[in-house]
Amino acid sequence: MSSPESPTSPGSSPTAKSPAPARRRIGRRPKRPTVAVVGAADALGTVVTERLVAQVAEGTVAKVIALDAERGTAQHATWRVGPVDSPDVAERLRGVDVVVLLAAPTDLATALGVPADRRREQAVRRAQAVATATAAVGASRLVAVTSAMVLGATADNPVPLPDDAPVAAVPDSGTVGDLLEVEQVLARVTRTHPGVGTTVLRPAALVGPGVDTIVSRHFEAPRLLVLRESTTVWQFCHLADLADAVVTAVVAGLDGALTVGCEGWLAQDDVERLSGMRRVELPASLAFGTAERLHRVGVLPAPASDLAFVVHPWAVASSGLRAAGWEPMYDNETCLGELLEQVRGHHAVAARRLDRKDAALGAAGAAVALVGTAAIVRRRRGRRS
């Protein structure tokens, strides 16, 4: 059963086929669509919902409906609270013309706090339920936000990756593996529901209030990990720019795969200069081998394959969005500055948050900390025993 509507008043995987390149949809599209945001309660959902609400005043969107398991803070949207991973989500999507599904995780602590198999099942079930409901209520388009991480991060990646780059990330047990499964669901939508156009937005490393990701935790480490004989480039995507990309996809009627990121990218030297952080260089075999061993015994929360996204390039071009008139408001330097301010006071190694004492033990560098984490955990276990 769906919950009553409660409008707020003013003042208060590699085998997955990548969606086709973005294009303008010629089929039916309401002039002023009613748009639903599924996953509206978290950091990204709040910004996306508020950006779409602003379009109501501009006359490009008729109404914004916010869906989530709990009510969020976005104002002036009509909230419909209830499960979003079951078939009855269709009841809460009635009257909607465009559905926005926010699949990109922005709270790593919450994501890693759920067993991997259960987290993946929930992500896939939600994508399936929303895709089926989108067709069932007669909506014309599904706009989904995943991540450019699904394109993979490798030492020989072209810089930047184009919109139509193949989905080539390693299907692991982490959040990237979850998104690969979600994209497989999305790739089937146009075949199983021909009347529904699909847009998949794939942002670069997200930055903004409330964002906690593998990349943001990399900057909580005592030093920045760099692989020997490898080139690292950095590109970010601010939540506000991603929200504007969602608006562009909705209003312009774009279908297909679209990458989203700041203009250009930063070299590793630029990041070190701007952040004041120092690097530690390791052979790739040592870095990935150590991370794999520590993940296997439960010391590190993220799989070793996630390390690729902080040592290899995966910058994107955003060509399709730019052709449709979208331009980012934030540059990479500003995003980096905001990220550094946000992580101030936090300490982490390979996505594992540490307290100040642990961080001090790893202050000789991320390399020592990676290997030393196992010793820290053993010592704690010894004290408990």
Protein backbone atom coordinates (compact mmCIF):
# COMPACT_ATOMS: atom_id res chain seq x y z
CA MET A 1 0.00 0.00 0.00
CA SER A 2 1.28 3.45 -0.82
CA SER A 3 1.43 6.23 1.71
CA PRO A 4 -0.72 9.35 1.25
CA GLU A 5 0.79 12.16 -0.77
CA SER A 6 2.21 14.95 1.36
CA PRO A 7 3.17 18.04 -0.64
CA THR A 8 5.30 20.59 1.15
CA SER A 9 4.16 24.17 1.00
CA PRO A 10 6.35 27.12 0.00
CA GLY A 11 8.31 28.54 2.86
CA SER A 12 8.51 25.33 4.77
CA SER A 13 29.31 -5.79 -15.46
CA PRO A 14 31.57 -6.33 -18.70
CA THR A 15 28.87 -8.42 -20.36
CA ALA A 16 26.34 -5.65 -20.00
CA LYS A 17 25.58 -3.80 -23.20
CA SER A 18 26.11 -0.07 -22.95
CA PRO A 19 23.07 2.05 -23.87
CA ALA A 20 23.21 3.73 -27.24
CA PRO A 21 24.88 7.15 -27.48
CA ALA A 22 22.65 10.00 -26.30
CA ARG A 23 20.25 11.52 -28.80
CA ARG A 24 17.12 13.63 -28.77
CA ARG A 25 13.98 11.54 -28.55
CA ILE A 26 11.46 12.17 -31.32
CA GLY A 27 8.60 10.19 -29.78
CA ARG A 28 5.93 11.45 -27.43
CA ARG A 29 7.19 13.70 -24.69
CA PRO A 30 4.98 15.93 -22.53
CA LYS A 31 5.77 19.59 -22.95
CA ARG A 32 5.75 20.03 -19.17
CA PRO A 33 6.32 16.57 -17.68
CA THR A 34 5.56 15.43 -14.17
CA VAL A 35 8.86 14.03 -12.90
CA ALA A 36 9.41 11.50 -10.11
CA VAL A 37 12.75 11.16 -8.29
CA VAL A 38 13.31 7.68 -6.86
CA GLY A 39 15.87 7.82 -4.05
CA ALA A 40 15.13 11.44 -3.18
CA ALA A 41 16.11 11.35 0.50
CA ASP A 42 19.93 11.14 0.35
CA ALA A 43 22.52 13.79 -0.51
CA LEU A 44 22.22 13.38 -4.27
CA GLY A 45 18.45 12.93 -4.18
CA THR A 46 17.97 16.17 -2.27
CA VAL A 47 19.95 18.24 -4.78
CA VAL A 48 18.32 16.60 -7.82
CA THR A 49 14.83 17.07 -6.40
CA GLU A 50 15.46 20.72 -5.58
CA ARG A 51 16.88 21.40 -9.06
CA LEU A 52 13.81 19.85 -10.68
CA VAL A 53 11.50 21.81 -8.37
CA ALA A 54 13.18 25.00 -9.63
CA GLN A 55 12.12 23.98 -13.14
CA VAL A 56 8.46 24.12 -12.08
CA ALA A 57 8.75 27.89 -11.58
CA GLU A 58 10.48 28.16 -14.96
CA GLY A 59 7.64 26.33 -16.66
CA THR A 60 9.64 23.37 -18.00
CA VAL A 61 8.39 20.83 -15.44
CA ALA A 62 4.77 20.52 -14.28
CA LYS A 63 5.30 18.78 -10.93
CA VAL A 64 7.99 16.96 -8.96
CA ILE A 65 7.23 13.83 -6.93
CA ALA A 66 9.84 12.59 -4.45
CA LEU A 67 9.95 8.87 -3.61
CA ASP A 68 11.98 7.09 -0.98
CA ALA A 69 11.64 4.70 1.94
CA GLU A 70 11.76 7.72 4.24
CA ARG A 71 11.05 11.40 3.81
CA GLY A 72 13.98 13.63 2.93
CA THR A 73 14.61 17.34 3.32
CA ALA A 74 13.86 18.58 -0.21
CA GLN A 75 11.14 21.22 -0.14
CA HIS A 76 8.21 22.00 -2.46
CA ALA A 77 8.04 18.45 -3.87
CA THR A 78 5.19 16.01 -3.34
CA TRP A 79 6.55 13.23 -1.14
CA ARG A 80 5.29 9.68 -1.53
CA VAL A 81 6.99 7.61 1.13
CA GLY A 82 7.25 3.84 0.94
CA PRO A 83 9.40 0.97 -0.36
CA VAL A 84 10.97 1.61 -3.77
CA ASP A 85 12.19 -1.94 -4.41
CA SER A 86 8.83 -3.73 -4.66
CA PRO A 87 6.16 -3.91 -7.40
CA ASP A 88 3.83 -1.59 -5.51
CA VAL A 89 6.17 1.31 -6.29
CA ALA A 90 3.97 1.63 -9.40
CA GLU A 91 1.19 2.95 -7.17
CA ARG A 92 3.41 5.83 -6.12
CA LEU A 93 4.47 6.54 -9.71
CA ARG A 94 0.97 7.00 -11.09
CA GLY A 95 0.58 10.19 -13.09
CA VAL A 96 4.32 10.47 -13.76
CA ASP A 97 5.75 11.19 -17.23
CA VAL A 98 9.49 10.85 -16.49
CA VAL A 99 11.10 8.73 -13.77
CA VAL A 100 14.57 9.54 -12.37
CA LEU A 101 16.28 6.59 -10.65
CA LEU A 102 19.28 7.53 -8.50
CA ALA A 103 21.41 4.39 -8.27
CA ALA A 104 24.78 6.06 -7.58
CA PRO A 105 25.81 5.41 -3.95
CA THR A 106 26.84 8.54 -2.04
CA ASP A 107 27.08 7.09 1.50
CA LEU A 108 29.86 4.51 1.64
CA ALA A 109 29.45 3.89 5.35
CA THR A 110 25.83 2.83 4.87
CA ALA A 111 26.58 0.80 1.73
CA LEU A 112 29.43 -1.13 3.31
CA GLY A 113 27.39 -1.69 6.45
CA VAL A 114 25.09 -4.07 4.55
CA PRO A 115 26.23 -7.58 3.58
CA ALA A 116 27.39 -7.51 -0.05
CA ASP A 117 24.90 -10.08 -1.35
CA ARG A 118 21.97 -8.36 0.33
CA ARG A 119 23.07 -4.91 -0.84
CA ARG A 120 23.34 -6.12 -4.42
CA GLU A 121 19.99 -7.86 -4.29
CA GLN A 122 18.36 -4.66 -3.06
CA ALA A 123 20.00 -2.54 -5.79
CA VAL A 124 18.95 -4.91 -8.57
CA ARG A 125 15.47 -5.38 -7.18
CA ARG A 126 14.97 -1.64 -6.98
CA ALA A 127 16.12 -1.12 -10.57
CA GLN A 128 13.83 -3.90 -11.80
CA ALA A 129 10.84 -2.63 -9.83
CA VAL A 130 11.29 0.97 -10.99
CA ALA A 131 11.86 -0.01 -14.64
CA THR A 132 8.74 -2.19 -14.69
CA ALA A 133 6.67 0.46 -12.91
CA THR A 134 7.87 3.16 -15.32
CA ALA A 135 6.36 1.21 -18.20
CA ALA A 136 3.27 0.22 -16.24
CA VAL A 137 2.24 3.82 -15.50
CA GLY A 138 2.85 4.93 -19.10
CA ALA A 139 5.88 7.13 -18.42
CA SER A 140 7.85 8.04 -21.52
CA ARG A 141 11.36 7.89 -20.10
CA LEU A 142 13.56 6.50 -17.37
CA VAL A 143 16.60 8.60 -16.45
CA ALA A 144 19.05 6.63 -14.29
CA VAL A 145 22.18 7.86 -12.51
CA THR A 146 24.93 5.26 -12.05
CA SER A 147 28.65 6.09 -12.26
CA ALA A 148 31.45 6.39 -14.80
CA MET A 149 33.14 3.74 -12.69
CA VAL A 150 31.24 1.13 -14.72
CA LEU A 151 33.53 2.05 -17.64
CA GLY A 152 36.49 0.77 -15.64
CA ALA A 153 39.79 2.32 -14.56
CA THR A 154 42.91 0.96 -16.24
CA ALA A 155 46.42 2.23 -16.87
CA ASP A 156 45.78 2.36 -20.63
CA ASN A 157 42.38 4.06 -20.57
CA PRO A 158 42.03 6.88 -23.10
CA VAL A 159 41.76 10.31 -21.48
CA PRO A 160 38.98 11.27 -21.60
CA LEU A 161 36.62 8.30 -22.00
CA PRO A 162 33.85 9.02 -24.56
CA ASP A 163 30.15 8.68 -23.84
CA ASP A 164 30.00 5.41 -25.77
CA ALA A 165 33.00 3.77 -24.07
CA PRO A 166 32.30 0.11 -23.32
CA VAL A 167 31.22 -1.00 -19.86
CA ALA A 168 34.47 -2.65 -18.77
CA ALA A 169 34.76 -2.46 -14.97
CA VAL A 170 35.70 -5.57 -13.01
CA PRO A 171 32.53 -7.25 -11.65
CA ASP A 172 33.53 -7.31 -7.98
CA SER A 173 31.68 -7.63 -4.68
CA GLY A 174 31.68 -3.87 -4.04
CA THR A 175 29.44 -1.00 -5.07
CA VAL A 176 30.91 -0.92 -8.59
CA GLY A 177 29.79 -4.52 -9.05
CA ASP A 178 26.34 -3.48 -7.84
CA LEU A 179 26.16 -0.76 -10.50
CA LEU A 180 27.22 -3.20 -13.21
CA GLU A 181 24.23 -5.37 -12.30
CA VAL A 182 21.94 -2.32 -12.28
CA GLU A 183 23.18 -1.33 -15.74
CA GLN A 184 22.33 -4.79 -17.04
CA VAL A 185 18.76 -4.16 -15.92
CA LEU A 186 18.74 -0.76 -17.62
CA ALA A 187 20.14 -2.19 -20.86
CA ARG A 188 17.07 -4.43 -21.14
CA VAL A 189 14.49 -1.68 -20.66
CA THR A 190 14.16 -0.55 -24.27
CA ARG A 191 13.87 -4.17 -25.44
CA THR A 192 11.27 -5.24 -22.88
CA HIS A 193 9.42 -1.90 -22.81
CA PRO A 194 9.75 -0.32 -26.30
CA GLY A 195 7.68 2.71 -25.33
CA VAL A 196 10.16 3.81 -22.66
CA GLY A 197 13.24 5.83 -23.60
CA THR A 198 16.26 5.33 -21.35
CA THR A 199 18.98 7.77 -20.34
CA VAL A 200 21.94 6.60 -18.23
CA LEU A 201 24.02 9.35 -16.62
CA ARG A 202 27.52 8.27 -15.56
CA PRO A 203 29.23 10.90 -13.40
CA ALA A 204 32.91 11.15 -12.53
CA ALA A 205 34.00 11.07 -8.86
CA LEU A 206 31.21 12.77 -6.93
CA VAL A 207 31.87 15.71 -4.65
CA GLY A 208 29.45 17.68 -2.51
CA PRO A 209 27.82 17.96 0.91
CA GLY A 210 27.21 14.55 2.45
CA VAL A 211 29.16 12.57 -0.17
CA ASP A 212 31.20 9.66 1.20
CA THR A 213 32.81 7.45 -1.45
CA ILE A 214 35.89 5.40 -2.21
CA VAL A 215 37.46 8.46 -3.82
CA SER A 216 36.69 10.88 -0.99
CA ARG A 217 38.18 8.44 1.54
CA HIS A 218 41.36 8.27 -0.53
CA PHE A 219 41.98 11.87 0.53
CA GLU A 220 41.55 10.93 4.20
CA ALA A 221 44.71 8.80 4.00
CA PRO A 222 48.04 10.09 5.38
CA ARG A 223 49.49 10.09 1.86
CA LEU A 224 48.26 9.70 -1.70
CA LEU A 225 48.96 6.31 -3.21
CA VAL A 226 50.61 6.33 -6.64
CA LEU A 227 51.64 3.30 -8.67
CA ARG A 228 55.11 3.21 -10.15
CA GLU A 229 55.24 3.60 -13.92
CA SER A 230 51.58 4.61 -13.98
CA THR A 231 49.85 7.92 -14.71
CA THR A 232 47.04 9.18 -12.50
CA VAL A 233 44.59 11.91 -13.52
CA TRP A 234 41.77 13.28 -11.42
CA GLN A 235 38.34 14.46 -12.47
CA PHE A 236 35.36 15.28 -10.29
CA CYS A 237 31.65 15.93 -10.65
CA HIS A 238 29.82 18.19 -8.22
CA LEU A 239 26.36 17.14 -7.06
CA ALA A 240 24.94 20.44 -8.34
CA ASP A 241 26.33 19.84 -11.83
CA LEU A 242 25.02 16.27 -11.85
CA ALA A 243 21.59 17.56 -10.83
CA ASP A 244 21.71 20.04 -13.72
CA ALA A 245 22.63 17.14 -16.02
CA VAL A 246 19.49 15.31 -14.85
CA VAL A 247 17.43 18.41 -15.66
CA THR A 248 19.01 18.62 -19.12
CA ALA A 249 18.25 14.96 -19.82
CA VAL A 250 14.63 15.43 -18.71
CA VAL A 251 13.91 18.73 -20.45
CA ALA A 252 15.87 18.08 -23.66
CA GLY A 253 14.53 14.54 -23.97
CA LEU A 254 17.88 12.80 -24.27
CA ASP A 255 18.23 9.04 -24.52
CA GLY A 256 21.31 6.85 -24.26
CA ALA A 257 24.56 6.94 -22.29
CA LEU A 258 25.88 10.28 -21.08
CA THR A 259 29.03 10.91 -19.05
CA VAL A 260 29.16 13.82 -16.58
CA GLY A 261 32.25 15.57 -15.25
CA CYS A 262 34.14 18.82 -14.77
CA GLU A 263 35.96 20.40 -17.68
CA GLY A 264 39.29 18.61 -18.16
CA TRP A 265 41.20 16.93 -15.37
CA LEU A 266 44.04 17.39 -12.88
CA ALA A 267 47.41 15.66 -13.02
CA GLN A 268 48.71 13.95 -9.88
CA ASP A 269 51.28 16.74 -9.39
CA ASP A 270 48.46 19.32 -9.49
CA VAL A 271 46.49 17.43 -6.85
CA GLU A 272 49.52 17.20 -4.57
CA ARG A 273 50.28 20.90 -5.02
CA LEU A 274 46.70 21.99 -4.34
CA SER A 275 46.15 19.63 -1.41
CA GLY A 276 49.56 19.91 0.20
CA MET A 277 49.59 16.11 0.47
CA ARG A 278 52.57 13.95 -0.35
CA ARG A 279 52.60 10.76 -2.37
CA VAL A 280 53.86 7.26 -1.69
CA GLU A 281 54.79 5.14 -4.71
CA LEU A 282 54.31 1.39 -4.77
CA PRO A 283 54.57 -1.34 -7.38
CA ALA A 284 51.10 -2.28 -8.62
CA SER A 285 51.54 -5.90 -7.53
CA LEU A 286 52.29 -4.88 -3.93
CA ALA A 287 49.46 -2.36 -3.69
CA PHE A 288 46.75 -4.60 -5.15
CA GLY A 289 48.12 -7.78 -3.54
CA THR A 290 48.14 -6.25 -0.06
CA ALA A 291 44.68 -4.76 -0.50
CA GLU A 292 43.34 -8.12 -1.70
CA ARG A 293 44.76 -9.99 1.29
CA LEU A 294 43.43 -7.47 3.80
CA HIS A 295 40.00 -7.45 2.15
CA ARG A 296 39.88 -11.23 2.18
CA VAL A 297 40.35 -11.34 5.96
CA GLY A 298 37.82 -8.54 6.52
CA VAL A 299 40.22 -5.74 7.43
CA LEU A 300 39.42 -3.53 4.43
CA PRO A 301 35.74 -2.98 3.57
CA ALA A 302 36.09 -2.47 -0.19
CA PRO A 303 37.42 -5.05 -2.67
CA ALA A 304 40.95 -4.60 -3.98
CA SER A 305 39.67 -3.85 -7.47
CA ASP A 306 38.23 -0.56 -6.17
CA LEU A 307 41.81 0.64 -5.69
CA ALA A 308 41.99 1.08 -9.46
CA PHE A 309 39.74 4.14 -9.26
CA VAL A 310 42.30 6.12 -7.26
CA VAL A 311 45.42 5.07 -9.18
CA HIS A 312 44.26 4.74 -12.81
CA PRO A 313 42.49 7.25 -15.09
CA TRP A 314 38.73 7.22 -15.72
CA ALA A 315 38.10 10.85 -16.70
CA VAL A 316 35.14 11.40 -19.04
CA ALA A 317 34.29 13.77 -21.90
CA SER A 318 30.62 14.75 -21.24
CA SER A 319 30.24 15.40 -24.99
CA GLY A 320 26.56 14.50 -25.30
CA LEU A 321 25.48 16.76 -22.46
CA ARG A 322 27.56 19.65 -23.75
CA ALA A 323 25.96 19.28 -27.17
CA ALA A 324 22.58 19.59 -25.45
CA GLY A 325 23.61 22.85 -23.75
CA TRP A 326 24.80 21.60 -20.34
CA GLU A 327 27.90 23.20 -18.84
CA PRO A 328 29.43 22.44 -15.43
CA MET A 329 29.44 25.30 -12.91
CA TYR A 330 32.28 23.76 -10.88
CA ASP A 331 35.86 23.13 -11.98
CA ASN A 332 38.14 20.37 -10.71
CA GLU A 333 40.15 22.67 -8.45
CA THR A 334 37.02 23.94 -6.70
CA CYS A 335 35.70 20.41 -6.28
CA LEU A 336 39.00 19.23 -4.82
CA GLY A 337 38.99 22.11 -2.36
CA GLU A 338 35.46 21.28 -1.24
CA LEU A 339 36.35 17.60 -0.90
CA LEU A 340 39.41 18.37 1.23
CA GLU A 341 37.39 20.64 3.49
CA GLN A 342 34.73 17.97 3.90
CA VAL A 343 37.18 15.18 4.87
CA ARG A 344 39.11 17.37 7.30
CA GLY A 345 39.36 15.53 10.61
CA HIS A 346 38.69 12.11 9.08
CA HIS A 347 41.39 9.47 8.64
CA ALA A 348 41.13 6.45 6.37
CA VAL A 349 43.28 3.90 4.57
CA ALA A 350 41.96 2.06 1.51
CA ALA A 351 38.38 3.13 2.36
CA ARG A 352 38.67 1.93 5.98
CA ARG A 353 38.05 4.76 8.44
CA LEU A 354 40.63 4.99 11.22
CA ASP A 355 40.68 6.91 14.46
CA ARG A 356 43.44 9.41 15.13
CA LYS A 357 45.67 6.90 16.93
CA ASP A 358 45.47 4.44 14.03
CA ALA A 359 46.12 7.20 11.52
CA ALA A 360 49.24 8.25 13.40
CA LEU A 361 50.56 4.70 13.21
CA GLY A 362 50.16 4.86 9.46
CA ALA A 363 51.58 8.34 9.08
CA ALA A 364 54.68 7.04 7.33
CA GLY A 365 52.47 6.66 4.29
CA ALA A 366 49.62 4.76 2.75
CA ALA A 367 51.95 1.88 1.89
CA VAL A 368 52.96 1.31 5.51
CA ALA A 369 49.37 1.85 6.62
CA LEU A 370 48.03 -0.72 4.18
CA VAL A 371 50.38 -3.38 5.45
CA GLY A 372 50.20 -2.11 9.02
CA THR A 373 46.40 -2.26 9.21
CA ALA A 374 46.60 -6.01 9.68
CA ALA A 375 48.99 -5.55 12.61
CA ILE A 376 46.70 -2.93 14.16
CA VAL A 377 43.74 -5.30 13.99
CA ARG A 378 45.77 -8.18 15.45
CA ARG A 379 46.92 -5.97 18.30
CA ARG A 380 43.34 -4.93 19.08
CA ARG A 381 42.19 -8.52 19.06
CA GLY A 382 45.02 -9.38 21.42
CA ARG A 383 43.94 -6.66 23.84
CA ARG A 384 40.35 -7.91 23.79
CA SER A 385 41.48 -11.46 24.50
